[in-house]
Amino acid sequence: MADPCAPLPALHLDNTLGAAYIGNILAAVFFGFTNVQMYIFFTHFNDGVVLRSLVSFLWVLDSLHLALICHTIYFYAVTNFANPLAMLDVTKTIMAHVIVTGISDVTVRGIFAYRVWLVSQGKRLLLIAIIVPSLLCFACSIAFPIRGLQIGTYAGFAHISWILYTAFITGVIADTTIALSLCYFLAKRRTGVRRTDSIVRILMIYSVNTGVLTSLCAICVLVTYAVMPSNFVFIAFYFVLPKLFLNSLLGTLNARERLRGFAKGSGGLVSIPLSAVSSPNRSAAQPLSANSEARLLEVQIQTAIESKTDSVDHAEKKWKGPYTSG
């Protein structure tokens, strides 16, 4: 605890309590967006029990996250209204919110990693390239609050800043890898059919937004902490980060409604000639049979372009993942 007899340090409420307060307001606004997207998800889609349970679990974490940061602001602004020195000490709730953020983020990244595994047709090395930095980021989100509580003051964070840097760098690496991987494998599914390629472009935009928004916010946390470690500006950005992450996931899930409407002219399905995504084991010079030419690869819009192959049942199961409705 700070010594009450020590000289009063220069505390500027604008970039300390004020910055955290603004971050709290923005987090509450994004929580409102989350609730709207949750309503759309549960009323417009009939996904499997696993996905619905994961989304519900993430909403509970998001609610707990907001409650913890609200308590932190209340503690500094109301409980210790006449004691500005209280802002020198960390609270259990602000450290707990770091753990909640870590659990939420690693869950969202796990869902996106599974999606990458599906669209890449089981590329294990790519999956490892996402999982390893995601788990390192999660480990840091557990280690940082534990050490933070032991130190007890925000000034002491300088001794464990490497944990903070490691967490955000690995998080940015994971998010960037997810976004680039989705864009790459979606781009490979362009067929020259205008409607299908338009849908692929839309999915690529959603994939880029998934990584860009969260990566930019994480970079803002890093930069503001590196430049201004003695104030709470970096905390304001950190309050918003998990909200952006969850809304990115929900936005991707709810985009299926828009894509269905886009493909309504073709009955909700876009038909692509099988030859456009033929197996690499098939010789390019080998002619297709009449039956093969008649078969079409149907891209289900509501499953975010998860393919159904021509006659292999196990391939259909491989492509059906967390974005499958019904």
C-alpha atoms as a PDB file:
ATOM      1  CA  MET A   1       0.000   0.000   0.000  1.00  0.00           C
ATOM      2  CA  ALA A   2       1.114   3.568  -0.630  1.00  0.00           C
ATOM      3  CA  ASP A   3       2.521   5.385   2.398  1.00  0.00           C
ATOM      4  CA  PRO A   4      -0.075   8.034   3.450  1.00  0.00           C
ATOM      5  CA  CYS A   5       2.755  10.161   4.863  1.00  0.00           C
ATOM      6  CA  ALA A   6       4.703  10.219   1.612  1.00  0.00           C
ATOM      7  CA  PRO A   7       4.648  13.386  -0.514  1.00  0.00           C
ATOM      8  CA  LEU A   8       1.678  13.510  -2.846  1.00  0.00           C
ATOM      9  CA  PRO A   9       2.899  12.614  -6.352  1.00  0.00           C
ATOM     10  CA  ALA A  10       1.803  14.575  -9.366  1.00  0.00           C
ATOM     11  CA  LEU A  11      -1.437  12.857 -10.338  1.00  0.00           C
ATOM     12  CA  HIS A  12      -3.347  14.109 -13.329  1.00  0.00           C
ATOM     13  CA  LEU A  13      -6.901  12.848 -13.309  1.00  0.00           C
ATOM     14  CA  ASP A  14      -7.371  13.442 -17.030  1.00  0.00           C
ATOM     15  CA  ASN A  15      -4.920  10.756 -18.129  1.00  0.00           C
ATOM     16  CA  THR A  16      -5.390   8.454 -15.147  1.00  0.00           C
ATOM     17  CA  LEU A  17      -8.894   8.107 -13.769  1.00  0.00           C
ATOM     18  CA  GLY A  18     -10.326  10.053 -16.704  1.00  0.00           C
ATOM     19  CA  ALA A  19      -8.712   7.757 -19.272  1.00  0.00           C
ATOM     20  CA  ALA A  20      -9.889   4.650 -17.444  1.00  0.00           C
ATOM     21  CA  TYR A  21     -13.388   6.136 -17.194  1.00  0.00           C
ATOM     22  CA  ILE A  22     -13.503   6.707 -20.968  1.00  0.00           C
ATOM     23  CA  GLY A  23     -12.320   3.144 -21.515  1.00  0.00           C
ATOM     24  CA  ASN A  24     -15.096   1.938 -19.228  1.00  0.00           C
ATOM     25  CA  ILE A  25     -17.718   3.868 -21.208  1.00  0.00           C
ATOM     26  CA  LEU A  26     -16.444   2.485 -24.526  1.00  0.00           C
ATOM     27  CA  ALA A  27     -16.433  -1.031 -23.093  1.00  0.00           C
ATOM     28  CA  ALA A  28     -20.055  -0.565 -22.018  1.00  0.00           C
ATOM     29  CA  VAL A  29     -20.991   0.657 -25.497  1.00  0.00           C
ATOM     30  CA  PHE A  30     -19.380  -2.370 -27.115  1.00  0.00           C
ATOM     31  CA  PHE A  31     -21.147  -4.591 -24.589  1.00  0.00           C
ATOM     32  CA  GLY A  32     -24.392  -3.161 -25.940  1.00  0.00           C
ATOM     33  CA  PHE A  33     -23.277  -4.131 -29.461  1.00  0.00           C
ATOM     34  CA  THR A  34     -22.475  -7.590 -28.128  1.00  0.00           C
ATOM     35  CA  ASN A  35     -25.997  -7.999 -26.742  1.00  0.00           C
ATOM     36  CA  VAL A  36     -27.543  -7.000 -30.068  1.00  0.00           C
ATOM     37  CA  GLN A  37     -25.341  -9.462 -31.929  1.00  0.00           C
ATOM     38  CA  MET A  38     -26.125 -12.173 -29.405  1.00  0.00           C
ATOM     39  CA  TYR A  39     -29.845 -11.612 -30.007  1.00  0.00           C
ATOM     40  CA  ILE A  40     -29.338 -11.884 -33.771  1.00  0.00           C
ATOM     41  CA  PHE A  41     -27.239 -15.017 -33.388  1.00  0.00           C
ATOM     42  CA  PHE A  42     -29.720 -16.899 -31.210  1.00  0.00           C
ATOM     43  CA  THR A  43     -32.862 -15.811 -33.105  1.00  0.00           C
ATOM     44  CA  HIS A  44     -31.648 -16.144 -36.698  1.00  0.00           C
ATOM     45  CA  PHE A  45     -29.440 -19.226 -36.561  1.00  0.00           C
ATOM     46  CA  ASN A  46     -29.868 -22.749 -35.285  1.00  0.00           C
ATOM     47  CA  ASP A  47     -26.253 -23.802 -34.789  1.00  0.00           C
ATOM     48  CA  GLY A  48     -25.027 -26.848 -32.941  1.00  0.00           C
ATOM     49  CA  VAL A  49     -24.958 -27.143 -29.168  1.00  0.00           C
ATOM     50  CA  VAL A  50     -21.179 -26.725 -28.992  1.00  0.00           C
ATOM     51  CA  LEU A  51     -21.070 -23.400 -30.827  1.00  0.00           C
ATOM     52  CA  ARG A  52     -24.108 -22.010 -29.007  1.00  0.00           C
ATOM     53  CA  SER A  53     -22.577 -23.044 -25.673  1.00  0.00           C
ATOM     54  CA  LEU A  54     -19.255 -21.408 -26.541  1.00  0.00           C
ATOM     55  CA  VAL A  55     -20.951 -18.172 -27.565  1.00  0.00           C
ATOM     56  CA  SER A  56     -23.008 -18.186 -24.360  1.00  0.00           C
ATOM     57  CA  PHE A  57     -19.848 -18.795 -22.324  1.00  0.00           C
ATOM     58  CA  LEU A  58     -18.149 -15.859 -24.058  1.00  0.00           C
ATOM     59  CA  TRP A  59     -21.125 -13.623 -23.278  1.00  0.00           C
ATOM     60  CA  VAL A  60     -20.892 -14.551 -19.584  1.00  0.00           C
ATOM     61  CA  LEU A  61     -17.185 -13.696 -19.603  1.00  0.00           C
ATOM     62  CA  ASP A  62     -17.913 -10.427 -21.390  1.00  0.00           C
ATOM     63  CA  SER A  63     -20.513  -9.508 -18.763  1.00  0.00           C
ATOM     64  CA  LEU A  64     -18.091 -10.383 -15.956  1.00  0.00           C
ATOM     65  CA  HIS A  65     -15.388  -8.333 -17.658  1.00  0.00           C
ATOM     66  CA  LEU A  66     -17.588  -5.233 -17.683  1.00  0.00           C
ATOM     67  CA  ALA A  67     -18.629  -5.769 -14.048  1.00  0.00           C
ATOM     68  CA  LEU A  68     -14.989  -5.991 -12.942  1.00  0.00           C
ATOM     69  CA  ILE A  69     -13.859  -2.816 -14.674  1.00  0.00           C
ATOM     70  CA  CYS A  70     -16.954  -0.956 -13.422  1.00  0.00           C
ATOM     71  CA  HIS A  71     -16.042  -1.970  -9.889  1.00  0.00           C
ATOM     72  CA  THR A  72     -12.490  -0.731 -10.454  1.00  0.00           C
ATOM     73  CA  ILE A  73     -13.677   2.691 -11.596  1.00  0.00           C
ATOM     74  CA  TYR A  74     -16.143   2.864  -8.688  1.00  0.00           C
ATOM     75  CA  PHE A  75     -13.387   1.989  -6.232  1.00  0.00           C
ATOM     76  CA  TYR A  76     -11.107   4.771  -7.459  1.00  0.00           C
ATOM     77  CA  ALA A  77     -13.741   7.433  -8.190  1.00  0.00           C
ATOM     78  CA  VAL A  78     -16.261   6.907  -5.373  1.00  0.00           C
ATOM     79  CA  THR A  79     -14.919   4.757  -2.556  1.00  0.00           C
ATOM     80  CA  ASN A  80     -11.609   6.624  -2.572  1.00  0.00           C
ATOM     81  CA  PHE A  81     -12.935   9.964  -3.756  1.00  0.00           C
ATOM     82  CA  ALA A  82     -10.872  11.883  -1.175  1.00  0.00           C
ATOM     83  CA  ASN A  83      -7.845   9.595  -1.458  1.00  0.00           C
ATOM     84  CA  PRO A  84      -6.089  10.071  -4.815  1.00  0.00           C
ATOM     85  CA  LEU A  85      -3.178   7.969  -3.570  1.00  0.00           C
ATOM     86  CA  ALA A  86      -5.436   4.939  -3.985  1.00  0.00           C
ATOM     87  CA  MET A  87      -4.812   5.145  -7.724  1.00  0.00           C
ATOM     88  CA  LEU A  88      -1.199   4.147  -7.111  1.00  0.00           C
ATOM     89  CA  ASP A  89      -2.294   0.675  -6.014  1.00  0.00           C
ATOM     90  CA  VAL A  90      -3.717  -2.077  -8.171  1.00  0.00           C
ATOM     91  CA  THR A  91      -7.021  -3.670  -7.229  1.00  0.00           C
ATOM     92  CA  LYS A  92      -7.975  -7.320  -7.253  1.00  0.00           C
ATOM     93  CA  THR A  93     -10.782  -6.620  -9.682  1.00  0.00           C
ATOM     94  CA  ILE A  94      -8.582  -4.977 -12.308  1.00  0.00           C
ATOM     95  CA  MET A  95      -6.176  -7.905 -12.111  1.00  0.00           C
ATOM     96  CA  ALA A  96      -9.075 -10.360 -12.271  1.00  0.00           C
ATOM     97  CA  HIS A  97     -10.337  -8.668 -15.430  1.00  0.00           C
ATOM     98  CA  VAL A  98      -6.986  -9.449 -17.081  1.00  0.00           C
ATOM     99  CA  ILE A  99      -7.569 -13.157 -16.436  1.00  0.00           C
ATOM    100  CA  VAL A 100     -11.124 -12.957 -17.757  1.00  0.00           C
ATOM    101  CA  THR A 101      -9.822 -11.196 -20.871  1.00  0.00           C
ATOM    102  CA  GLY A 102      -7.241 -13.919 -21.386  1.00  0.00           C
ATOM    103  CA  ILE A 103      -9.825 -16.710 -21.155  1.00  0.00           C
ATOM    104  CA  SER A 104     -12.180 -14.913 -23.525  1.00  0.00           C
ATOM    105  CA  ASP A 105      -9.490 -14.130 -26.084  1.00  0.00           C
ATOM    106  CA  VAL A 106      -8.026 -17.630 -26.166  1.00  0.00           C
ATOM    107  CA  THR A 107     -11.531 -19.067 -26.637  1.00  0.00           C
ATOM    108  CA  VAL A 108     -12.250 -16.758 -29.572  1.00  0.00           C
ATOM    109  CA  ARG A 109      -8.873 -17.512 -31.120  1.00  0.00           C
ATOM    110  CA  GLY A 110      -9.583 -21.214 -30.697  1.00  0.00           C
ATOM    111  CA  ILE A 111     -12.803 -20.879 -32.697  1.00  0.00           C
ATOM    112  CA  PHE A 112     -11.024 -18.944 -35.440  1.00  0.00           C
ATOM    113  CA  ALA A 113      -8.145 -21.453 -35.412  1.00  0.00           C
ATOM    114  CA  TYR A 114     -10.627 -24.271 -35.952  1.00  0.00           C
ATOM    115  CA  ARG A 115     -12.073 -22.368 -38.878  1.00  0.00           C
ATOM    116  CA  VAL A 116      -8.579 -21.981 -40.373  1.00  0.00           C
ATOM    117  CA  TRP A 117      -8.004 -25.697 -39.904  1.00  0.00           C
ATOM    118  CA  LEU A 118     -11.197 -26.386 -41.835  1.00  0.00           C
ATOM    119  CA  VAL A 119     -10.591 -24.072 -44.778  1.00  0.00           C
ATOM    120  CA  SER A 120      -6.940 -25.184 -45.020  1.00  0.00           C
ATOM    121  CA  GLN A 121      -8.008 -28.833 -45.187  1.00  0.00           C
ATOM    122  CA  GLY A 122      -6.185 -29.753 -42.000  1.00  0.00           C
ATOM    123  CA  LYS A 123      -2.842 -27.933 -42.277  1.00  0.00           C
ATOM    124  CA  ARG A 124      -1.354 -28.879 -38.927  1.00  0.00           C
ATOM    125  CA  LEU A 125       1.680 -26.605 -39.070  1.00  0.00           C
ATOM    126  CA  LEU A 126      -0.577 -23.631 -39.728  1.00  0.00           C
ATOM    127  CA  LEU A 127      -2.780 -24.639 -36.819  1.00  0.00           C
ATOM    128  CA  ILE A 128       0.288 -24.879 -34.571  1.00  0.00           C
ATOM    129  CA  ALA A 129       1.426 -21.437 -35.761  1.00  0.00           C
ATOM    130  CA  ILE A 130      -1.855 -20.051 -34.394  1.00  0.00           C
ATOM    131  CA  ILE A 131      -2.197 -22.151 -31.249  1.00  0.00           C
ATOM    132  CA  VAL A 132       1.326 -21.616 -29.891  1.00  0.00           C
ATOM    133  CA  PRO A 133       1.242 -17.774 -29.776  1.00  0.00           C
ATOM    134  CA  SER A 134      -2.378 -17.901 -28.573  1.00  0.00           C
ATOM    135  CA  LEU A 135      -1.416 -20.106 -25.629  1.00  0.00           C
ATOM    136  CA  LEU A 136       1.628 -17.947 -24.863  1.00  0.00           C
ATOM    137  CA  CYS A 137      -0.630 -14.896 -24.801  1.00  0.00           C
ATOM    138  CA  PHE A 138      -3.044 -16.723 -22.490  1.00  0.00           C
ATOM    139  CA  ALA A 139      -0.200 -17.805 -20.178  1.00  0.00           C
ATOM    140  CA  CYS A 140       0.930 -14.182 -19.917  1.00  0.00           C
ATOM    141  CA  SER A 141      -2.611 -13.100 -19.058  1.00  0.00           C
ATOM    142  CA  ILE A 142      -2.448 -15.446 -16.078  1.00  0.00           C
ATOM    143  CA  ALA A 143       1.112 -14.639 -15.010  1.00  0.00           C
ATOM    144  CA  PHE A 144       0.772 -10.851 -15.255  1.00  0.00           C
ATOM    145  CA  PRO A 145      -2.078 -10.375 -12.735  1.00  0.00           C
ATOM    146  CA  ILE A 146      -0.498 -12.826 -10.299  1.00  0.00           C
ATOM    147  CA  ARG A 147       2.781 -10.908 -10.337  1.00  0.00           C
ATOM    148  CA  GLY A 148       0.892  -7.600 -10.429  1.00  0.00           C
ATOM    149  CA  LEU A 149      -0.912  -8.382  -7.193  1.00  0.00           C
ATOM    150  CA  GLN A 150       2.353  -9.396  -5.587  1.00  0.00           C
ATOM    151  CA  ILE A 151       3.956  -6.092  -6.580  1.00  0.00           C
ATOM    152  CA  GLY A 152       0.881  -4.096  -5.603  1.00  0.00           C
ATOM    153  CA  THR A 153       1.489  -0.833  -7.467  1.00  0.00           C
ATOM    154  CA  TYR A 154       1.207   0.328 -11.073  1.00  0.00           C
ATOM    155  CA  ALA A 155       4.716   1.775 -10.862  1.00  0.00           C
ATOM    156  CA  GLY A 156       5.972  -1.737 -10.164  1.00  0.00           C
ATOM    157  CA  PHE A 157       4.648  -2.934 -13.524  1.00  0.00           C
ATOM    158  CA  ALA A 158       7.961  -1.761 -14.986  1.00  0.00           C
ATOM    159  CA  HIS A 159       9.556  -4.872 -13.480  1.00  0.00           C
ATOM    160  CA  ILE A 160       7.170  -7.201 -15.312  1.00  0.00           C
ATOM    161  CA  SER A 161       6.619  -5.175 -18.468  1.00  0.00           C
ATOM    162  CA  TRP A 162       8.194  -7.982 -20.500  1.00  0.00           C
ATOM    163  CA  ILE A 163       5.148 -10.114 -19.708  1.00  0.00           C
ATOM    164  CA  LEU A 164       2.868  -7.396 -21.043  1.00  0.00           C
ATOM    165  CA  TYR A 165       4.935  -7.001 -24.210  1.00  0.00           C
ATOM    166  CA  THR A 166       5.080 -10.759 -24.762  1.00  0.00           C
ATOM    167  CA  ALA A 167       1.314 -11.079 -24.346  1.00  0.00           C
ATOM    168  CA  PHE A 168       0.430  -8.432 -26.909  1.00  0.00           C
ATOM    169  CA  ILE A 169       3.127  -9.362 -29.419  1.00  0.00           C
ATOM    170  CA  THR A 170       2.058 -13.003 -29.427  1.00  0.00           C
ATOM    171  CA  GLY A 171      -1.576 -11.922 -29.629  1.00  0.00           C
ATOM    172  CA  VAL A 172      -0.889  -9.758 -32.669  1.00  0.00           C
ATOM    173  CA  ILE A 173       1.031 -12.631 -34.291  1.00  0.00           C
ATOM    174  CA  ALA A 174      -1.879 -15.027 -33.729  1.00  0.00           C
ATOM    175  CA  ASP A 175      -4.492 -12.556 -34.994  1.00  0.00           C
ATOM    176  CA  THR A 176      -2.449 -11.677 -38.077  1.00  0.00           C
ATOM    177  CA  THR A 177      -1.848 -15.332 -38.874  1.00  0.00           C
ATOM    178  CA  ILE A 178      -5.565 -16.061 -38.613  1.00  0.00           C
ATOM    179  CA  ALA A 179      -6.547 -13.163 -40.876  1.00  0.00           C
ATOM    180  CA  LEU A 180      -3.882 -13.862 -43.522  1.00  0.00           C
ATOM    181  CA  SER A 181      -4.613 -17.593 -43.543  1.00  0.00           C
ATOM    182  CA  LEU A 182      -8.347 -17.096 -44.029  1.00  0.00           C
ATOM    183  CA  CYS A 183      -7.735 -14.579 -46.813  1.00  0.00           C
ATOM    184  CA  TYR A 184      -5.266 -16.882 -48.564  1.00  0.00           C
ATOM    185  CA  PHE A 185      -7.427 -19.979 -48.543  1.00  0.00           C
ATOM    186  CA  LEU A 186     -10.578 -18.067 -49.420  1.00  0.00           C
ATOM    187  CA  ALA A 187      -8.764 -16.425 -52.341  1.00  0.00           C
ATOM    188  CA  LYS A 188      -7.853 -19.874 -53.639  1.00  0.00           C
ATOM    189  CA  ARG A 189     -11.571 -20.617 -53.919  1.00  0.00           C
ATOM    190  CA  ARG A 190     -12.195 -17.960 -56.513  1.00  0.00           C
ATOM    191  CA  THR A 191     -13.727 -19.603 -59.545  1.00  0.00           C
ATOM    192  CA  GLY A 192     -14.356 -16.807 -62.009  1.00  0.00           C
ATOM    193  CA  VAL A 193     -18.085 -16.924 -61.271  1.00  0.00           C
ATOM    194  CA  ARG A 194     -19.041 -13.329 -60.435  1.00  0.00           C
ATOM    195  CA  ARG A 195     -21.544 -14.110 -57.669  1.00  0.00           C
ATOM    196  CA  THR A 196     -19.279 -16.615 -55.966  1.00  0.00           C
ATOM    197  CA  ASP A 197     -16.213 -14.374 -56.187  1.00  0.00           C
ATOM    198  CA  SER A 198     -18.210 -11.501 -54.687  1.00  0.00           C
ATOM    199  CA  ILE A 199     -19.103 -13.663 -51.702  1.00  0.00           C
ATOM    200  CA  VAL A 200     -15.480 -14.717 -51.324  1.00  0.00           C
ATOM    201  CA  ARG A 201     -14.427 -11.059 -51.318  1.00  0.00           C
ATOM    202  CA  ILE A 202     -16.964 -10.280 -48.601  1.00  0.00           C
ATOM    203  CA  LEU A 203     -15.633 -13.138 -46.481  1.00  0.00           C
ATOM    204  CA  MET A 204     -12.076 -11.926 -47.017  1.00  0.00           C
ATOM    205  CA  ILE A 205     -13.081  -8.459 -45.793  1.00  0.00           C
ATOM    206  CA  TYR A 206     -14.602  -9.963 -42.641  1.00  0.00           C
ATOM    207  CA  SER A 207     -11.441 -12.026 -42.137  1.00  0.00           C
ATOM    208  CA  VAL A 208      -9.197  -8.978 -42.461  1.00  0.00           C
ATOM    209  CA  ASN A 209     -11.376  -6.989 -40.057  1.00  0.00           C
ATOM    210  CA  THR A 210     -11.100  -9.834 -37.549  1.00  0.00           C
ATOM    211  CA  GLY A 211      -7.347  -9.382 -37.270  1.00  0.00           C
ATOM    212  CA  VAL A 212      -6.954  -5.702 -38.065  1.00  0.00           C
ATOM    213  CA  LEU A 213      -9.253  -4.255 -35.390  1.00  0.00           C
ATOM    214  CA  THR A 214      -7.901  -6.343 -32.536  1.00  0.00           C
ATOM    215  CA  SER A 215      -4.286  -6.013 -33.679  1.00  0.00           C
ATOM    216  CA  LEU A 216      -4.562  -2.223 -33.916  1.00  0.00           C
ATOM    217  CA  CYS A 217      -6.067  -2.050 -30.431  1.00  0.00           C
ATOM    218  CA  ALA A 218      -3.327  -4.309 -29.037  1.00  0.00           C
ATOM    219  CA  ILE A 219      -0.665  -2.156 -30.710  1.00  0.00           C
ATOM    220  CA  CYS A 220      -2.272   0.937 -29.147  1.00  0.00           C
ATOM    221  CA  VAL A 221      -1.939  -0.697 -25.724  1.00  0.00           C
ATOM    222  CA  LEU A 222       1.738  -1.451 -26.363  1.00  0.00           C
ATOM    223  CA  VAL A 223       2.574   1.998 -27.718  1.00  0.00           C
ATOM    224  CA  THR A 224       0.727   3.937 -25.024  1.00  0.00           C
ATOM    225  CA  TYR A 225       2.280   1.834 -22.266  1.00  0.00           C
ATOM    226  CA  ALA A 226       5.764   2.198 -23.746  1.00  0.00           C
ATOM    227  CA  VAL A 227       5.381   5.967 -24.141  1.00  0.00           C
ATOM    228  CA  MET A 228       3.219   6.739 -21.068  1.00  0.00           C
ATOM    229  CA  PRO A 229       3.684   3.967 -18.475  1.00  0.00           C
ATOM    230  CA  SER A 230       2.803   6.285 -15.592  1.00  0.00           C
ATOM    231  CA  ASN A 231      -0.813   6.895 -16.606  1.00  0.00           C
ATOM    232  CA  PHE A 232      -3.912   4.839 -17.448  1.00  0.00           C
ATOM    233  CA  VAL A 233      -4.224   5.528 -21.178  1.00  0.00           C
ATOM    234  CA  PHE A 234      -3.039   2.000 -22.000  1.00  0.00           C
ATOM    235  CA  ILE A 235      -5.655   0.625 -19.605  1.00  0.00           C
ATOM    236  CA  ALA A 236      -8.397   2.435 -21.520  1.00  0.00           C
ATOM    237  CA  PHE A 237      -7.429   0.610 -24.723  1.00  0.00           C
ATOM    238  CA  TYR A 238      -7.106  -2.674 -22.849  1.00  0.00           C
ATOM    239  CA  PHE A 239     -10.642  -2.329 -21.487  1.00  0.00           C
ATOM    240  CA  VAL A 240     -11.962  -2.271 -25.076  1.00  0.00           C
ATOM    241  CA  LEU A 241      -9.803  -5.061 -26.546  1.00  0.00           C
ATOM    242  CA  PRO A 242     -11.858  -8.144 -25.535  1.00  0.00           C
ATOM    243  CA  LYS A 243     -15.070  -6.397 -26.614  1.00  0.00           C
ATOM    244  CA  LEU A 244     -13.636  -5.890 -30.102  1.00  0.00           C
ATOM    245  CA  PHE A 245     -12.547  -9.501 -30.238  1.00  0.00           C
ATOM    246  CA  LEU A 246     -15.935 -10.934 -29.296  1.00  0.00           C
ATOM    247  CA  ASN A 247     -17.802  -8.558 -31.609  1.00  0.00           C
ATOM    248  CA  SER A 248     -15.513  -9.595 -34.473  1.00  0.00           C
ATOM    249  CA  LEU A 249     -16.478 -13.217 -33.908  1.00  0.00           C
ATOM    250  CA  LEU A 250     -20.187 -12.475 -33.607  1.00  0.00           C
ATOM    251  CA  GLY A 251     -20.053 -10.229 -36.659  1.00  0.00           C
ATOM    252  CA  THR A 252     -18.547 -13.071 -38.680  1.00  0.00           C
ATOM    253  CA  LEU A 253     -21.192 -15.508 -37.468  1.00  0.00           C
ATOM    254  CA  ASN A 254     -24.061 -13.124 -38.124  1.00  0.00           C
ATOM    255  CA  ALA A 255     -22.735 -12.231 -41.577  1.00  0.00           C
ATOM    256  CA  ARG A 256     -24.234 -15.489 -42.809  1.00  0.00           C
ATOM    257  CA  GLU A 257     -27.636 -13.784 -42.934  1.00  0.00           C
ATOM    258  CA  ARG A 258     -26.316 -11.126 -45.291  1.00  0.00           C
ATOM    259  CA  LEU A 259     -24.575 -13.699 -47.450  1.00  0.00           C
ATOM    260  CA  ARG A 260     -27.745 -15.750 -47.692  1.00  0.00           C
ATOM    261  CA  GLY A 261     -29.573 -12.694 -48.945  1.00  0.00           C
ATOM    262  CA  PHE A 262     -26.798 -12.021 -51.432  1.00  0.00           C
ATOM    263  CA  ALA A 263     -27.137 -15.520 -52.847  1.00  0.00           C
ATOM    264  CA  LYS A 264     -30.930 -15.558 -52.742  1.00  0.00           C
ATOM    265  CA  GLY A 265     -31.100 -15.424 -56.514  1.00  0.00           C
ATOM    266  CA  SER A 266     -29.574 -18.881 -56.656  1.00  0.00           C
ATOM    267  CA  GLY A 267     -31.749 -20.405 -53.957  1.00  0.00           C
ATOM    268  CA  GLY A 268     -29.343 -19.779 -51.074  1.00  0.00           C
ATOM    269  CA  LEU A 269     -26.586 -21.847 -52.695  1.00  0.00           C
ATOM    270  CA  VAL A 270     -23.893 -20.907 -55.143  1.00  0.00           C
ATOM    271  CA  SER A 271     -22.971 -23.662 -57.554  1.00  0.00           C
ATOM    272  CA  ILE A 272     -19.354 -23.875 -58.667  1.00  0.00           C
ATOM    273  CA  PRO A 273     -18.093 -26.309 -61.316  1.00  0.00           C
ATOM    274  CA  LEU A 274     -16.142 -29.106 -59.690  1.00  0.00           C
ATOM    275  CA  SER A 275     -13.265 -28.530 -62.086  1.00  0.00           C
ATOM    276  CA  ALA A 276     -12.681 -25.106 -60.531  1.00  0.00           C
ATOM    277  CA  VAL A 277     -11.498 -26.719 -57.303  1.00  0.00           C
ATOM    278  CA  SER A 278     -10.324 -30.065 -58.590  1.00  0.00           C
ATOM    279  CA  SER A 279      -8.087 -32.241 -56.496  1.00  0.00           C
ATOM    280  CA  PRO A 280      -4.339 -31.668 -56.914  1.00  0.00           C
ATOM    281  CA  ASN A 281      -3.942 -35.420 -57.495  1.00  0.00           C
ATOM    282  CA  ARG A 282      -5.957 -35.146 -60.707  1.00  0.00           C
ATOM    283  CA  SER A 283      -3.900 -34.539 -63.816  1.00  0.00           C
ATOM    284  CA  ALA A 284      -4.733 -31.290 -65.526  1.00  0.00           C
ATOM    285  CA  ALA A 285      -4.839 -33.067 -68.853  1.00  0.00           C
ATOM    286  CA  GLN A 286      -7.191 -35.784 -67.669  1.00  0.00           C
ATOM    287  CA  PRO A 287     -10.707 -35.202 -69.027  1.00  0.00           C
ATOM    288  CA  LEU A 288     -13.623 -35.231 -66.651  1.00  0.00           C
ATOM    289  CA  SER A 289     -16.276 -37.856 -67.068  1.00  0.00           C
ATOM    290  CA  ALA A 290     -19.836 -36.899 -67.901  1.00  0.00           C
ATOM    291  CA  ASN A 291     -20.898 -37.687 -64.348  1.00  0.00           C
ATOM    292  CA  SER A 292     -18.056 -35.589 -62.921  1.00  0.00           C
ATOM    293  CA  GLU A 293     -18.957 -32.667 -65.114  1.00  0.00           C
ATOM    294  CA  ALA A 294     -22.537 -32.937 -63.919  1.00  0.00           C
ATOM    295  CA  ARG A 295     -21.519 -32.837 -60.291  1.00  0.00           C
ATOM    296  CA  LEU A 296     -21.232 -29.407 -58.688  1.00  0.00           C
ATOM    297  CA  LEU A 297     -19.447 -28.235 -55.590  1.00  0.00           C
ATOM    298  CA  GLU A 298     -22.071 -26.434 -53.520  1.00  0.00           C
ATOM    299  CA  VAL A 299     -20.804 -23.656 -51.339  1.00  0.00           C
ATOM    300  CA  GLN A 300     -23.181 -23.105 -48.493  1.00  0.00           C
ATOM    301  CA  ILE A 301     -23.413 -19.422 -47.766  1.00  0.00           C
ATOM    302  CA  GLN A 302     -24.542 -19.939 -44.195  1.00  0.00           C
ATOM    303  CA  THR A 303     -21.388 -21.963 -43.456  1.00  0.00           C
ATOM    304  CA  ALA A 304     -19.020 -19.293 -44.716  1.00  0.00           C
ATOM    305  CA  ILE A 305     -17.992 -21.108 -47.887  1.00  0.00           C
ATOM    306  CA  GLU A 306     -17.439 -24.510 -46.300  1.00  0.00           C
ATOM    307  CA  SER A 307     -17.279 -26.923 -49.220  1.00  0.00           C
ATOM    308  CA  LYS A 308     -19.152 -30.094 -49.935  1.00  0.00           C
ATOM    309  CA  THR A 309     -17.146 -32.303 -52.280  1.00  0.00           C
ATOM    310  CA  ASP A 310     -18.586 -34.332 -55.154  1.00  0.00           C
ATOM    311  CA  SER A 311     -18.907 -37.843 -53.744  1.00  0.00           C
ATOM    312  CA  VAL A 312     -16.737 -38.270 -50.676  1.00  0.00           C
ATOM    313  CA  ASP A 313     -18.755 -38.253 -47.454  1.00  0.00           C
ATOM    314  CA  HIS A 314     -15.801 -37.755 -45.146  1.00  0.00           C
ATOM    315  CA  ALA A 315     -14.829 -34.589 -46.964  1.00  0.00           C
ATOM    316  CA  GLU A 316     -18.262 -33.158 -46.232  1.00  0.00           C
ATOM    317  CA  LYS A 317     -17.763 -33.829 -42.540  1.00  0.00           C
ATOM    318  CA  LYS A 318     -14.340 -32.168 -42.630  1.00  0.00           C
ATOM    319  CA  TRP A 319     -15.730 -28.932 -43.960  1.00  0.00           C
ATOM    320  CA  LYS A 320     -18.656 -28.664 -41.551  1.00  0.00           C
ATOM    321  CA  GLY A 321     -17.414 -26.678 -38.633  1.00  0.00           C
ATOM    322  CA  PRO A 322     -18.397 -24.034 -36.119  1.00  0.00           C
ATOM    323  CA  TYR A 323     -20.168 -21.946 -38.741  1.00  0.00           C
ATOM    324  CA  THR A 324     -22.615 -24.644 -39.777  1.00  0.00           C
ATOM    325  CA  SER A 325     -26.282 -23.911 -39.210  1.00  0.00           C
ATOM    326  CA  GLY A 326     -28.702 -26.645 -38.302  1.00  0.00           C
END
